Amino acid sequence: MLETYKEKRDFSKTREPSWEKMKEGKNLLFVIHKHAATRLHYDLRLELEWVLKSWAVPKWPSYNPDEKRLAVMVEDHPYDYKDFEWTIPKDEYGWWTVMIWDYWTYQPIYSTWDKGKDEKAAMEMLEKWRLSFILNWKKLKWEF
């Protein structure tokens, strides 16, 4: 799952997490990183199947459901990336500042409040390219 992620990084030069098995929690976690790279964008990361499924979002999502926003799926990131904030060195992939913009828990639409069932439902939606979820936030509260 993390092969592409690992191929793009030199872990002797970056503090980015490589991989550790995640701790089992009661809820699915999300994190939004504000990433001042070549262009400012946001990275949405959702816990699924022991990794953070990740999307680059060039513009912050609108609260208006009629306004469409692009989210480009990128390589999976290790679960420990949920806590990552740092300035990535200039010669490394993704160089520039990464900071946590928001985090907490999320649930797929029609949640059962059972983590295992919710994770399975989210993966099924993702396989159909139609993942709908609710962020339970520190800053945000919205349905996407």
Protein backbone atom coordinates (compact mmCIF):
# COMPACT_ATOMS: atom_id res chain seq x y z
CA MET A 1 0.00 0.00 0.00
CA LEU A 2 2.78 2.46 0.79
CA GLU A 3 5.25 1.53 -1.97
CA THR A 4 4.71 4.75 -3.98
CA TYR A 5 4.97 6.86 -0.82
CA LYS A 6 8.27 5.21 0.16
CA GLU A 7 9.75 5.45 -3.36
CA LYS A 8 9.32 9.25 -3.37
CA ARG A 9 11.16 9.89 -0.09
CA ASP A 10 14.64 9.63 1.38
CA PHE A 11 13.96 8.88 5.03
CA SER A 12 17.56 9.70 5.97
CA LYS A 13 16.79 13.33 4.97
CA THR A 14 13.16 13.84 5.95
CA ARG A 15 11.29 13.54 9.23
CA GLU A 16 8.22 12.23 7.44
CA PRO A 17 6.95 9.00 8.99
CA SER A 18 7.89 5.77 7.23
CA TRP A 19 5.38 3.31 8.69
CA GLU A 20 4.19 1.98 11.98
CA LYS A 21 1.18 -0.16 12.63
CA MET A 22 -1.62 2.10 13.76
CA LYS A 23 -3.28 1.82 17.12
CA GLU A 24 -6.82 0.52 17.08
CA GLY A 25 -9.26 3.28 17.95
CA LYS A 26 -13.02 3.47 18.24
CA ASN A 27 -13.51 5.91 15.35
CA LEU A 28 -12.13 6.54 11.87
CA LEU A 29 -9.75 9.51 11.84
CA PHE A 30 -9.18 12.28 9.33
CA VAL A 31 -6.60 15.03 9.07
CA ILE A 32 -6.38 18.01 6.75
CA HIS A 33 -2.88 19.31 6.10
CA LYS A 34 -2.30 22.80 4.75
CA HIS A 35 0.65 22.29 2.42
CA ALA A 36 2.57 25.29 1.14
CA ALA A 37 4.38 23.44 -1.65
CA THR A 38 4.90 24.68 -5.22
CA ARG A 39 1.29 25.84 -4.92
CA LEU A 40 -0.68 26.18 -1.72
CA HIS A 41 -3.17 23.35 -1.39
CA TYR A 42 -4.80 21.15 1.23
CA ASP A 43 -4.29 17.42 1.71
CA LEU A 44 -7.29 15.46 2.94
CA ARG A 45 -6.35 12.20 4.62
CA LEU A 46 -8.85 9.55 5.75
CA GLU A 47 -7.98 6.50 7.84
CA LEU A 48 -8.83 3.34 5.90
CA GLU A 49 -7.24 -0.12 5.94
CA TRP A 50 -4.29 0.78 8.20
CA VAL A 51 -3.18 3.79 6.12
CA LEU A 52 -4.31 7.33 5.36
CA LYS A 53 -6.00 7.47 1.96
CA SER A 54 -5.01 10.87 0.61
CA TRP A 55 -6.26 13.55 -1.79
CA ALA A 56 -4.72 16.85 -2.82
CA VAL A 57 -7.37 19.58 -2.86
CA PRO A 58 -6.18 22.66 -4.84
CA LYS A 59 -8.96 24.91 -3.50
CA TRP A 60 -10.54 24.60 -0.13
CA PRO A 61 -13.92 22.82 -0.37
CA SER A 62 -16.90 25.12 -0.58
CA TYR A 63 -19.82 24.91 1.81
CA ASN A 64 -22.06 25.43 -1.22
CA PRO A 65 -22.91 21.97 -2.65
CA ASP A 66 -23.41 23.51 -6.10
CA GLU A 67 -19.75 24.58 -6.23
CA LYS A 68 -17.63 21.66 -7.38
CA ARG A 69 -14.08 21.19 -6.09
CA LEU A 70 -11.37 18.98 -7.47
CA ALA A 71 -9.78 16.39 -5.17
CA VAL A 72 -6.94 14.41 -6.75
CA MET A 73 -6.21 11.06 -5.15
CA VAL A 74 -2.51 10.71 -4.33
CA GLU A 75 -0.45 7.92 -2.78
CA ASP A 76 -1.45 6.43 0.57
CA HIS A 77 0.38 7.84 3.57
CA PRO A 78 1.32 6.01 6.78
CA TYR A 79 -1.08 6.36 9.68
CA ASP A 80 1.53 8.30 11.68
CA TYR A 81 1.33 11.10 9.10
CA LYS A 82 -1.78 12.25 10.98
CA ASP A 83 0.53 13.99 13.48
CA PHE A 84 3.05 15.29 10.94
CA GLU A 85 3.94 19.00 10.82
CA TRP A 86 7.29 20.13 9.47
CA THR A 87 9.10 21.91 6.69
CA ILE A 88 10.21 19.25 4.23
CA PRO A 89 13.78 19.89 2.93
CA LYS A 90 14.07 21.65 -0.44
CA ASP A 91 15.45 18.71 -2.41
CA GLU A 92 12.85 16.27 -1.11
CA TYR A 93 9.48 15.31 -2.60
CA GLY A 94 6.73 17.69 -1.45
CA TRP A 95 9.23 20.19 -0.04
CA TRP A 96 7.89 23.12 1.90
CA THR A 97 5.79 23.55 5.00
CA VAL A 98 3.13 21.04 6.04
CA MET A 99 0.87 21.96 8.96
CA ILE A 100 -2.22 20.37 10.47
CA TRP A 101 -5.19 22.53 9.53
CA ASP A 102 -7.89 20.36 11.11
CA TYR A 103 -8.40 16.81 12.40
CA TRP A 104 -10.70 14.57 14.39
CA THR A 105 -13.02 11.76 13.33
CA TYR A 106 -15.23 11.06 10.34
CA GLN A 107 -17.91 8.63 9.37
CA PRO A 108 -19.31 7.52 6.03
CA ILE A 109 -22.84 8.60 5.19
CA TYR A 110 -25.32 6.14 6.72
CA SER A 111 -22.84 5.28 9.47
CA THR A 112 -23.53 2.30 11.69
CA TRP A 113 -21.27 3.71 14.43
CA ASP A 114 -19.33 0.45 14.22
CA LYS A 115 -15.77 1.18 13.06
CA GLY A 116 -15.29 -2.11 11.21
CA LYS A 117 -18.59 -1.85 9.32
CA ASP A 118 -18.06 1.86 8.60
CA GLU A 119 -14.57 1.20 7.26
CA LYS A 120 -15.89 -1.56 4.99
CA ALA A 121 -18.69 0.73 3.73
CA ALA A 122 -16.20 3.55 3.07
CA MET A 123 -13.93 1.22 1.09
CA GLU A 124 -16.86 -0.01 -1.00
CA MET A 125 -17.84 3.60 -1.78
CA LEU A 126 -14.24 4.47 -2.61
CA GLU A 127 -13.97 1.53 -5.02
CA LYS A 128 -16.96 3.03 -6.87
CA TRP A 129 -15.32 6.50 -6.77
CA ARG A 130 -18.26 7.83 -4.75
CA LEU A 131 -17.14 8.28 -1.15
CA SER A 132 -19.52 10.42 0.93
CA PHE A 133 -18.72 11.21 4.54
CA ILE A 134 -19.23 13.56 7.48
CA LEU A 135 -16.27 15.22 9.20
CA ASN A 136 -16.53 15.47 12.98
CA TRP A 137 -14.13 18.29 13.38
CA LYS A 138 -12.19 20.61 15.50
CA LYS A 139 -12.72 23.48 13.00
CA LEU A 140 -15.02 22.04 10.34
CA LYS A 141 -18.43 20.45 10.43
CA TRP A 142 -19.76 19.60 7.02
CA GLU A 143 -20.92 16.77 4.85
CA PHE A 144 -18.84 15.98 1.73
